[in-house]
Amino acid sequence: MSAIILEVLALLAGITGITMLVRAGASRTRPGVRLQQEANRRAIEQRAALTCPIHGLQAEETLVRLPDGGTLCAACYQEALVDHPPS
């Protein structure tokens, strides 16, 4: 019975050690740093795409998709296209 408990503890220690090595490698090696930078860049670009220069950060659901593929916030869409329709 004690042999089984020791085997389980050794397995858990091994899994913990491997996890710690992977985390250390992901934050201190070139590929790990590059992956972290790419993730940060994607987050910044996504936040910039959701930010209206006039009205600030918008929820993705409130943005209006234009026919050309661009987006406008609902307030800008209301001001530009609904209040002042193209002649």
PDB file of N, CA and C in Angstrom:
ATOM      1  N   MET A   1       0.821  -1.192   0.000  1.00  0.00           N
ATOM      2  CA  MET A   1       0.000   0.000   0.000  1.00  0.00           C
ATOM      3  C   MET A   1       0.867   1.258   0.000  1.00  0.00           C
ATOM      4  N   SER A   2       1.916   1.270   0.804  1.00  0.00           N
ATOM      5  CA  SER A   2       2.783   2.444   0.854  1.00  0.00           C
ATOM      6  C   SER A   2       3.545   2.614  -0.462  1.00  0.00           C
ATOM      7  N   ALA A   3       3.808   1.516  -1.178  1.00  0.00           N
ATOM      8  CA  ALA A   3       4.481   1.622  -2.474  1.00  0.00           C
ATOM      9  C   ALA A   3       3.591   2.364  -3.468  1.00  0.00           C
ATOM     10  N   ILE A   4       2.301   2.121  -3.432  1.00  0.00           N
ATOM     11  CA  ILE A   4       1.372   2.796  -4.331  1.00  0.00           C
ATOM     12  C   ILE A   4       1.324   4.290  -4.017  1.00  0.00           C
ATOM     13  N   ILE A   5       1.303   4.619  -2.737  1.00  0.00           N
ATOM     14  CA  ILE A   5       1.276   6.026  -2.328  1.00  0.00           C
ATOM     15  C   ILE A   5       2.559   6.717  -2.776  1.00  0.00           C
ATOM     16  N   LEU A   6       3.702   6.068  -2.612  1.00  0.00           N
ATOM     17  CA  LEU A   6       4.966   6.651  -3.049  1.00  0.00           C
ATOM     18  C   LEU A   6       5.001   6.832  -4.564  1.00  0.00           C
ATOM     19  N   GLU A   7       4.452   5.895  -5.314  1.00  0.00           N
ATOM     20  CA  GLU A   7       4.416   6.023  -6.763  1.00  0.00           C
ATOM     21  C   GLU A   7       3.545   7.201  -7.187  1.00  0.00           C
ATOM     22  N   VAL A   8       2.411   7.365  -6.533  1.00  0.00           N
ATOM     23  CA  VAL A   8       1.526   8.489  -6.848  1.00  0.00           C
ATOM     24  C   VAL A   8       2.213   9.811  -6.522  1.00  0.00           C
ATOM     25  N   LEU A   9       2.880   9.882  -5.376  1.00  0.00           N
ATOM     26  CA  LEU A   9       3.601  11.105  -5.001  1.00  0.00           C
ATOM     27  C   LEU A   9       4.732  11.401  -5.972  1.00  0.00           C
ATOM     28  N   ALA A  10       5.446  10.363  -6.405  1.00  0.00           N
ATOM     29  CA  ALA A  10       6.517  10.560  -7.378  1.00  0.00           C
ATOM     30  C   ALA A  10       5.962  11.047  -8.708  1.00  0.00           C
ATOM     31  N   LEU A  11       4.832  10.514  -9.126  1.00  0.00           N
ATOM     32  CA  LEU A  11       4.196  10.953 -10.364  1.00  0.00           C
ATOM     33  C   LEU A  11       3.773  12.415 -10.264  1.00  0.00           C
ATOM     34  N   LEU A  12       3.156  12.789  -9.157  1.00  0.00           N
ATOM     35  CA  LEU A  12       2.746  14.183  -8.960  1.00  0.00           C
ATOM     36  C   LEU A  12       3.948  15.123  -8.925  1.00  0.00           C
ATOM     37  N   ALA A  13       5.030  14.699  -8.281  1.00  0.00           N
ATOM     38  CA  ALA A  13       6.247  15.515  -8.238  1.00  0.00           C
ATOM     39  C   ALA A  13       6.827  15.667  -9.640  1.00  0.00           C
ATOM     40  N   GLY A  14       6.799  14.611 -10.424  1.00  0.00           N
ATOM     41  CA  GLY A  14       7.305  14.678 -11.798  1.00  0.00           C
ATOM     42  C   GLY A  14       6.474  15.608 -12.661  1.00  0.00           C
ATOM     43  N   ILE A  15       5.158  15.514 -12.541  1.00  0.00           N
ATOM     44  CA  ILE A  15       4.279  16.390 -13.307  1.00  0.00           C
ATOM     45  C   ILE A  15       4.495  17.846 -12.902  1.00  0.00           C
ATOM     46  N   THR A  16       4.625  18.088 -11.613  1.00  0.00           N
ATOM     47  CA  THR A  16       4.873  19.446 -11.121  1.00  0.00           C
ATOM     48  C   THR A  16       6.198  19.979 -11.636  1.00  0.00           C
ATOM     49  N   GLY A  17       7.222  19.168 -11.611  1.00  0.00           N
ATOM     50  CA  GLY A  17       8.535  19.584 -12.107  1.00  0.00           C
ATOM     51  C   GLY A  17       8.511  19.906 -13.587  1.00  0.00           C
ATOM     52  N   ILE A  18       7.866  19.062 -14.373  1.00  0.00           N
ATOM     53  CA  ILE A  18       7.780  19.315 -15.812  1.00  0.00           C
ATOM     54  C   ILE A  18       7.000  20.592 -16.082  1.00  0.00           C
ATOM     55  N   THR A  19       5.920  20.801 -15.345  1.00  0.00           N
ATOM     56  CA  THR A  19       5.125  22.021 -15.509  1.00  0.00           C
ATOM     57  C   THR A  19       5.955  23.255 -15.198  1.00  0.00           C
ATOM     58  N   MET A  20       6.742  23.201 -14.142  1.00  0.00           N
ATOM     59  CA  MET A  20       7.588  24.339 -13.774  1.00  0.00           C
ATOM     60  C   MET A  20       8.646  24.605 -14.839  1.00  0.00           C
ATOM     61  N   LEU A  21       9.229  23.547 -15.404  1.00  0.00           N
ATOM     62  CA  LEU A  21      10.222  23.721 -16.463  1.00  0.00           C
ATOM     63  C   LEU A  21       9.605  24.337 -17.719  1.00  0.00           C
ATOM     64  N   VAL A  22       8.419  23.888 -18.078  1.00  0.00           N
ATOM     65  CA  VAL A  22       7.750  24.434 -19.262  1.00  0.00           C
ATOM     66  C   VAL A  22       7.418  25.901 -19.052  1.00  0.00           C
ATOM     67  N   ARG A  23       6.892  26.255 -17.880  1.00  0.00           N
ATOM     68  CA  ARG A  23       6.574  27.656 -17.600  1.00  0.00           C
ATOM     69  C   ARG A  23       7.831  28.524 -17.601  1.00  0.00           C
ATOM     70  N   ALA A  24       8.909  28.028 -17.033  1.00  0.00           N
ATOM     71  CA  ALA A  24      10.155  28.796 -17.022  1.00  0.00           C
ATOM     72  C   ALA A  24      10.682  28.954 -18.440  1.00  0.00           C
ATOM     73  N   GLY A  25      10.580  27.913 -19.237  1.00  0.00           N
ATOM     74  CA  GLY A  25      11.039  27.984 -20.615  1.00  0.00           C
ATOM     75  C   GLY A  25      10.190  28.919 -21.446  1.00  0.00           C
ATOM     76  N   ALA A  26       8.902  28.977 -21.166  1.00  0.00           N
ATOM     77  CA  ALA A  26       8.013  29.840 -21.936  1.00  0.00           C
ATOM     78  C   ALA A  26       8.253  31.312 -21.633  1.00  0.00           C
ATOM     79  N   SER A  27       8.752  31.627 -20.471  1.00  0.00           N
ATOM     80  CA  SER A  27       8.939  33.038 -20.131  1.00  0.00           C
ATOM     81  C   SER A  27      10.384  33.507 -20.271  1.00  0.00           C
ATOM     82  N   ARG A  28      11.342  32.599 -20.430  1.00  0.00           N
ATOM     83  CA  ARG A  28      12.744  33.011 -20.443  1.00  0.00           C
ATOM     84  C   ARG A  28      13.501  32.663 -21.715  1.00  0.00           C
ATOM     85  N   THR A  29      12.886  31.941 -22.619  1.00  0.00           N
ATOM     86  CA  THR A  29      13.582  31.591 -23.851  1.00  0.00           C
ATOM     87  C   THR A  29      13.081  32.459 -24.996  1.00  0.00           C
ATOM     88  N   ARG A  30      13.850  32.531 -26.073  1.00  0.00           N
ATOM     89  CA  ARG A  30      13.454  33.357 -27.210  1.00  0.00           C
ATOM     90  C   ARG A  30      12.096  32.964 -27.785  1.00  0.00           C
ATOM     91  N   PRO A  31      11.844  31.683 -28.046  1.00  0.00           N
ATOM     92  CA  PRO A  31      10.515  31.344 -28.576  1.00  0.00           C
ATOM     93  C   PRO A  31       9.388  31.686 -27.605  1.00  0.00           C
ATOM     94  N   GLY A  32       9.622  31.498 -26.319  1.00  0.00           N
ATOM     95  CA  GLY A  32       8.603  31.831 -25.332  1.00  0.00           C
ATOM     96  C   GLY A  32       8.329  33.318 -25.276  1.00  0.00           C
ATOM     97  N   VAL A  33       9.392  34.122 -25.317  1.00  0.00           N
ATOM     98  CA  VAL A  33       9.229  35.572 -25.300  1.00  0.00           C
ATOM     99  C   VAL A  33       8.529  36.022 -26.579  1.00  0.00           C
ATOM    100  N   ARG A  34       8.886  35.431 -27.714  1.00  0.00           N
ATOM    101  CA  ARG A  34       8.254  35.792 -28.985  1.00  0.00           C
ATOM    102  C   ARG A  34       6.757  35.468 -28.949  1.00  0.00           C
ATOM    103  N   LEU A  35       6.390  34.306 -28.422  1.00  0.00           N
ATOM    104  CA  LEU A  35       4.975  33.953 -28.313  1.00  0.00           C
ATOM    105  C   LEU A  35       4.226  34.927 -27.409  1.00  0.00           C
ATOM    106  N   GLN A  36       4.849  35.312 -26.323  1.00  0.00           N
ATOM    107  CA  GLN A  36       4.222  36.256 -25.402  1.00  0.00           C
ATOM    108  C   GLN A  36       4.054  37.632 -26.069  1.00  0.00           C
ATOM    109  N   GLN A  37       5.062  38.071 -26.829  1.00  0.00           N
ATOM    110  CA  GLN A  37       4.969  39.350 -27.515  1.00  0.00           C
ATOM    111  C   GLN A  37       3.877  39.328 -28.583  1.00  0.00           C
ATOM    112  N   GLU A  38       3.761  38.216 -29.314  1.00  0.00           N
ATOM    113  CA  GLU A  38       2.716  38.100 -30.334  1.00  0.00           C
ATOM    114  C   GLU A  38       1.329  38.144 -29.702  1.00  0.00           C
ATOM    115  N   ALA A  39       1.175  37.485 -28.564  1.00  0.00           N
ATOM    116  CA  ALA A  39      -0.116  37.512 -27.870  1.00  0.00           C
ATOM    117  C   ALA A  39      -0.439  38.932 -27.395  1.00  0.00           C
ATOM    118  N   ASN A  40       0.562  39.633 -26.880  1.00  0.00           N
ATOM    119  CA  ASN A  40       0.353  41.015 -26.443  1.00  0.00           C
ATOM    120  C   ASN A  40      -0.014  41.896 -27.632  1.00  0.00           C
ATOM    121  N   ARG A  41       0.671  41.703 -28.759  1.00  0.00           N
ATOM    122  CA  ARG A  41       0.401  42.497 -29.954  1.00  0.00           C
ATOM    123  C   ARG A  41      -1.027  42.267 -30.461  1.00  0.00           C
ATOM    124  N   ARG A  42      -1.463  41.000 -30.474  1.00  0.00           N
ATOM    125  CA  ARG A  42      -2.831  40.699 -30.904  1.00  0.00           C
ATOM    126  C   ARG A  42      -3.851  41.376 -29.989  1.00  0.00           C
ATOM    127  N   ALA A  43      -3.602  41.353 -28.684  1.00  0.00           N
ATOM    128  CA  ALA A  43      -4.526  41.987 -27.735  1.00  0.00           C
ATOM    129  C   ALA A  43      -4.581  43.495 -27.951  1.00  0.00           C
ATOM    130  N   ILE A  44      -3.440  44.122 -28.196  1.00  0.00           N
ATOM    131  CA  ILE A  44      -3.395  45.571 -28.437  1.00  0.00           C
ATOM    132  C   ILE A  44      -4.124  45.913 -29.728  1.00  0.00           C
ATOM    133  N   GLU A  45      -3.896  45.135 -30.793  1.00  0.00           N
ATOM    134  CA  GLU A  45      -4.556  45.394 -32.071  1.00  0.00           C
ATOM    135  C   GLU A  45      -6.059  45.208 -31.960  1.00  0.00           C
ATOM    136  N   GLN A  46      -6.498  44.201 -31.215  1.00  0.00           N
ATOM    137  CA  GLN A  46      -7.935  43.969 -31.041  1.00  0.00           C
ATOM    138  C   GLN A  46      -8.566  45.126 -30.274  1.00  0.00           C
ATOM    139  N   ARG A  47      -7.886  45.591 -29.240  1.00  0.00           N
ATOM    140  CA  ARG A  47      -8.413  46.724 -28.470  1.00  0.00           C
ATOM    141  C   ARG A  47      -8.444  47.982 -29.329  1.00  0.00           C
ATOM    142  N   ALA A  48      -7.426  48.193 -30.168  1.00  0.00           N
ATOM    143  CA  ALA A  48      -7.407  49.360 -31.043  1.00  0.00           C
ATOM    144  C   ALA A  48      -8.534  49.296 -32.067  1.00  0.00           C
ATOM    145  N   ALA A  49      -8.857  48.100 -32.548  1.00  0.00           N
ATOM    146  CA  ALA A  49      -9.943  47.951 -33.519  1.00  0.00           C
ATOM    147  C   ALA A  49     -11.296  48.249 -32.884  1.00  0.00           C
ATOM    148  N   LEU A  50     -11.415  48.094 -31.588  1.00  0.00           N
ATOM    149  CA  LEU A  50     -12.680  48.334 -30.889  1.00  0.00           C
ATOM    150  C   LEU A  50     -12.782  49.752 -30.325  1.00  0.00           C
ATOM    151  N   THR A  51     -11.769  50.581 -30.560  1.00  0.00           N
ATOM    152  CA  THR A  51     -11.758  51.923 -29.991  1.00  0.00           C
ATOM    153  C   THR A  51     -12.107  52.956 -31.055  1.00  0.00           C
ATOM    154  N   CYS A  52     -13.170  53.696 -30.804  1.00  0.00           N
ATOM    155  CA  CYS A  52     -13.575  54.795 -31.679  1.00  0.00           C
ATOM    156  C   CYS A  52     -12.773  56.028 -31.264  1.00  0.00           C
ATOM    157  N   PRO A  53     -12.199  56.769 -32.216  1.00  0.00           N
ATOM    158  CA  PRO A  53     -11.412  57.942 -31.836  1.00  0.00           C
ATOM    159  C   PRO A  53     -12.244  59.026 -31.144  1.00  0.00           C
ATOM    160  N   ILE A  54     -13.546  59.046 -31.388  1.00  0.00           N
ATOM    161  CA  ILE A  54     -14.404  60.070 -30.793  1.00  0.00           C
ATOM    162  C   ILE A  54     -15.059  59.570 -29.509  1.00  0.00           C
ATOM    163  N   HIS A  55     -15.598  58.355 -29.539  1.00  0.00           N
ATOM    164  CA  HIS A  55     -16.403  57.854 -28.434  1.00  0.00           C
ATOM    165  C   HIS A  55     -15.693  56.839 -27.543  1.00  0.00           C
ATOM    166  N   GLY A  56     -14.461  56.493 -27.850  1.00  0.00           N
ATOM    167  CA  GLY A  56     -13.691  55.602 -26.995  1.00  0.00           C
ATOM    168  C   GLY A  56     -13.972  54.130 -27.238  1.00  0.00           C
ATOM    169  N   LEU A  57     -13.629  53.313 -26.268  1.00  0.00           N
ATOM    170  CA  LEU A  57     -13.741  51.859 -26.378  1.00  0.00           C
ATOM    171  C   LEU A  57     -15.198  51.434 -26.487  1.00  0.00           C
ATOM    172  N   GLN A  58     -15.475  50.546 -27.444  1.00  0.00           N
ATOM    173  CA  GLN A  58     -16.831  50.062 -27.704  1.00  0.00           C
ATOM    174  C   GLN A  58     -16.866  48.550 -27.550  1.00  0.00           C
ATOM    175  N   ALA A  59     -18.012  48.019 -27.214  1.00  0.00           N
ATOM    176  CA  ALA A  59     -18.198  46.568 -27.192  1.00  0.00           C
ATOM    177  C   ALA A  59     -18.271  46.086 -28.642  1.00  0.00           C
ATOM    178  N   GLU A  60     -17.743  44.909 -28.888  1.00  0.00           N
ATOM    179  CA  GLU A  60     -17.703  44.394 -30.255  1.00  0.00           C
ATOM    180  C   GLU A  60     -19.108  44.235 -30.835  1.00  0.00           C
ATOM    181  N   GLU A  61     -20.080  43.923 -30.001  1.00  0.00           N
ATOM    182  CA  GLU A  61     -21.447  43.723 -30.470  1.00  0.00           C
ATOM    183  C   GLU A  61     -22.101  45.016 -30.924  1.00  0.00           C
ATOM    184  N   THR A  62     -21.625  46.170 -30.445  1.00  0.00           N
ATOM    185  CA  THR A  62     -22.260  47.439 -30.788  1.00  0.00           C
ATOM    186  C   THR A  62     -21.691  48.065 -32.049  1.00  0.00           C
ATOM    187  N   LEU A  63     -20.612  47.534 -32.588  1.00  0.00           N
ATOM    188  CA  LEU A  63     -20.034  48.098 -33.802  1.00  0.00           C
ATOM    189  C   LEU A  63     -20.898  47.752 -35.009  1.00  0.00           C
ATOM    190  N   VAL A  64     -20.975  48.679 -35.948  1.00  0.00           N
ATOM    191  CA  VAL A  64     -21.758  48.492 -37.169  1.00  0.00           C
ATOM    192  C   VAL A  64     -20.796  48.128 -38.286  1.00  0.00           C
ATOM    193  N   ARG A  65     -21.058  47.009 -38.955  1.00  0.00           N
ATOM    194  CA  ARG A  65     -20.214  46.560 -40.068  1.00  0.00           C
ATOM    195  C   ARG A  65     -20.662  47.271 -41.340  1.00  0.00           C
ATOM    196  N   LEU A  66     -19.741  47.959 -42.011  1.00  0.00           N
ATOM    197  CA  LEU A  66     -20.034  48.677 -43.241  1.00  0.00           C
ATOM    198  C   LEU A  66     -19.898  47.746 -44.439  1.00  0.00           C
ATOM    199  N   PRO A  67     -20.488  48.107 -45.585  1.00  0.00           N
ATOM    200  CA  PRO A  67     -20.396  47.252 -46.775  1.00  0.00           C
ATOM    201  C   PRO A  67     -18.955  47.010 -47.237  1.00  0.00           C
ATOM    202  N   ASP A  68     -18.057  47.960 -47.000  1.00  0.00           N
ATOM    203  CA  ASP A  68     -16.659  47.772 -47.429  1.00  0.00           C
ATOM    204  C   ASP A  68     -15.846  46.937 -46.445  1.00  0.00           C
ATOM    205  N   GLY A  69     -16.458  46.483 -45.364  1.00  0.00           N
ATOM    206  CA  GLY A  69     -15.778  45.636 -44.391  1.00  0.00           C
ATOM    207  C   GLY A  69     -15.299  46.373 -43.162  1.00  0.00           C
ATOM    208  N   GLY A  70     -15.313  47.689 -43.184  1.00  0.00           N
ATOM    209  CA  GLY A  70     -14.899  48.475 -42.032  1.00  0.00           C
ATOM    210  C   GLY A  70     -15.973  48.474 -40.956  1.00  0.00           C
ATOM    211  N   THR A  71     -15.669  49.094 -39.846  1.00  0.00           N
ATOM    212  CA  THR A  71     -16.634  49.181 -38.754  1.00  0.00           C
ATOM    213  C   THR A  71     -16.741  50.617 -38.259  1.00  0.00           C
ATOM    214  N   LEU A  72     -17.885  50.956 -37.739  1.00  0.00           N
ATOM    215  CA  LEU A  72     -18.138  52.234 -37.080  1.00  0.00           C
ATOM    216  C   LEU A  72     -18.845  51.944 -35.763  1.00  0.00           C
ATOM    217  N   CYS A  73     -18.618  52.813 -34.786  1.00  0.00           N
ATOM    218  CA  CYS A  73     -19.396  52.651 -33.565  1.00  0.00           C
ATOM    219  C   CYS A  73     -20.818  53.109 -33.857  1.00  0.00           C
ATOM    220  N   ALA A  74     -21.762  52.679 -33.059  1.00  0.00           N
ATOM    221  CA  ALA A  74     -23.173  52.973 -33.308  1.00  0.00           C
ATOM    222  C   ALA A  74     -23.449  54.469 -33.306  1.00  0.00           C
ATOM    223  N   ALA A  75     -22.805  55.222 -32.427  1.00  0.00           N
ATOM    224  CA  ALA A  75     -23.034  56.669 -32.354  1.00  0.00           C
ATOM    225  C   ALA A  75     -22.528  57.359 -33.619  1.00  0.00           C
ATOM    226  N   CYS A  76     -21.357  56.984 -34.108  1.00  0.00           N
ATOM    227  CA  CYS A  76     -20.821  57.574 -35.336  1.00  0.00           C
ATOM    228  C   CYS A  76     -21.690  57.198 -36.530  1.00  0.00           C
ATOM    229  N   TYR A  77     -22.183  55.975 -36.562  1.00  0.00           N
ATOM    230  CA  TYR A  77     -23.061  55.536 -37.636  1.00  0.00           C
ATOM    231  C   TYR A  77     -24.343  56.357 -37.620  1.00  0.00           C
ATOM    232  N   GLN A  78     -24.886  56.555 -36.446  1.00  0.00           N
ATOM    233  CA  GLN A  78     -26.104  57.349 -36.304  1.00  0.00           C
ATOM    234  C   GLN A  78     -25.864  58.771 -36.806  1.00  0.00           C
ATOM    235  N   GLU A  79     -24.739  59.369 -36.409  1.00  0.00           N
ATOM    236  CA  GLU A  79     -24.440  60.743 -36.805  1.00  0.00           C
ATOM    237  C   GLU A  79     -24.148  60.860 -38.303  1.00  0.00           C
ATOM    238  N   ALA A  80     -23.354  59.940 -38.847  1.00  0.00           N
ATOM    239  CA  ALA A  80     -22.889  60.073 -40.220  1.00  0.00           C
ATOM    240  C   ALA A  80     -23.902  59.617 -41.254  1.00  0.00           C
ATOM    241  N   LEU A  81     -24.531  58.508 -41.049  1.00  0.00           N
ATOM    242  CA  LEU A  81     -25.345  57.926 -42.107  1.00  0.00           C
ATOM    243  C   LEU A  81     -26.838  58.097 -41.910  1.00  0.00           C
ATOM    244  N   VAL A  82     -27.304  58.134 -40.688  1.00  0.00           N
ATOM    245  CA  VAL A  82     -28.748  58.222 -40.457  1.00  0.00           C
ATOM    246  C   VAL A  82     -29.189  59.675 -40.369  1.00  0.00           C
ATOM    247  N   ASP A  83     -28.497  60.495 -39.587  1.00  0.00           N
ATOM    248  CA  ASP A  83     -28.867  61.902 -39.455  1.00  0.00           C
ATOM    249  C   ASP A  83     -28.587  62.699 -40.714  1.00  0.00           C
ATOM    250  N   HIS A  84     -27.538  62.328 -41.459  1.00  0.00           N
ATOM    251  CA  HIS A  84     -27.147  63.040 -42.684  1.00  0.00           C
ATOM    252  C   HIS A  84     -27.041  62.040 -43.818  1.00  0.00           C
ATOM    253  N   PRO A  85     -28.166  61.606 -44.389  1.00  0.00           N
ATOM    254  CA  PRO A  85     -28.092  60.598 -45.449  1.00  0.00           C
ATOM    255  C   PRO A  85     -27.381  61.152 -46.675  1.00  0.00           C
ATOM    256  N   PRO A  86     -26.666  60.283 -47.419  1.00  0.00           N
ATOM    257  CA  PRO A  86     -25.970  60.752 -48.613  1.00  0.00           C
ATOM    258  C   PRO A  86     -26.966  61.254 -49.654  1.00  0.00           C
ATOM    259  N   SER A  87     -26.618  62.332 -50.323  1.00  0.00           N
ATOM    260  CA  SER A  87     -27.509  62.930 -51.315  1.00  0.00           C
ATOM    261  C   SER A  87     -27.322  62.316 -52.676  1.00  0.00           C
TER     262      SER A  87
END
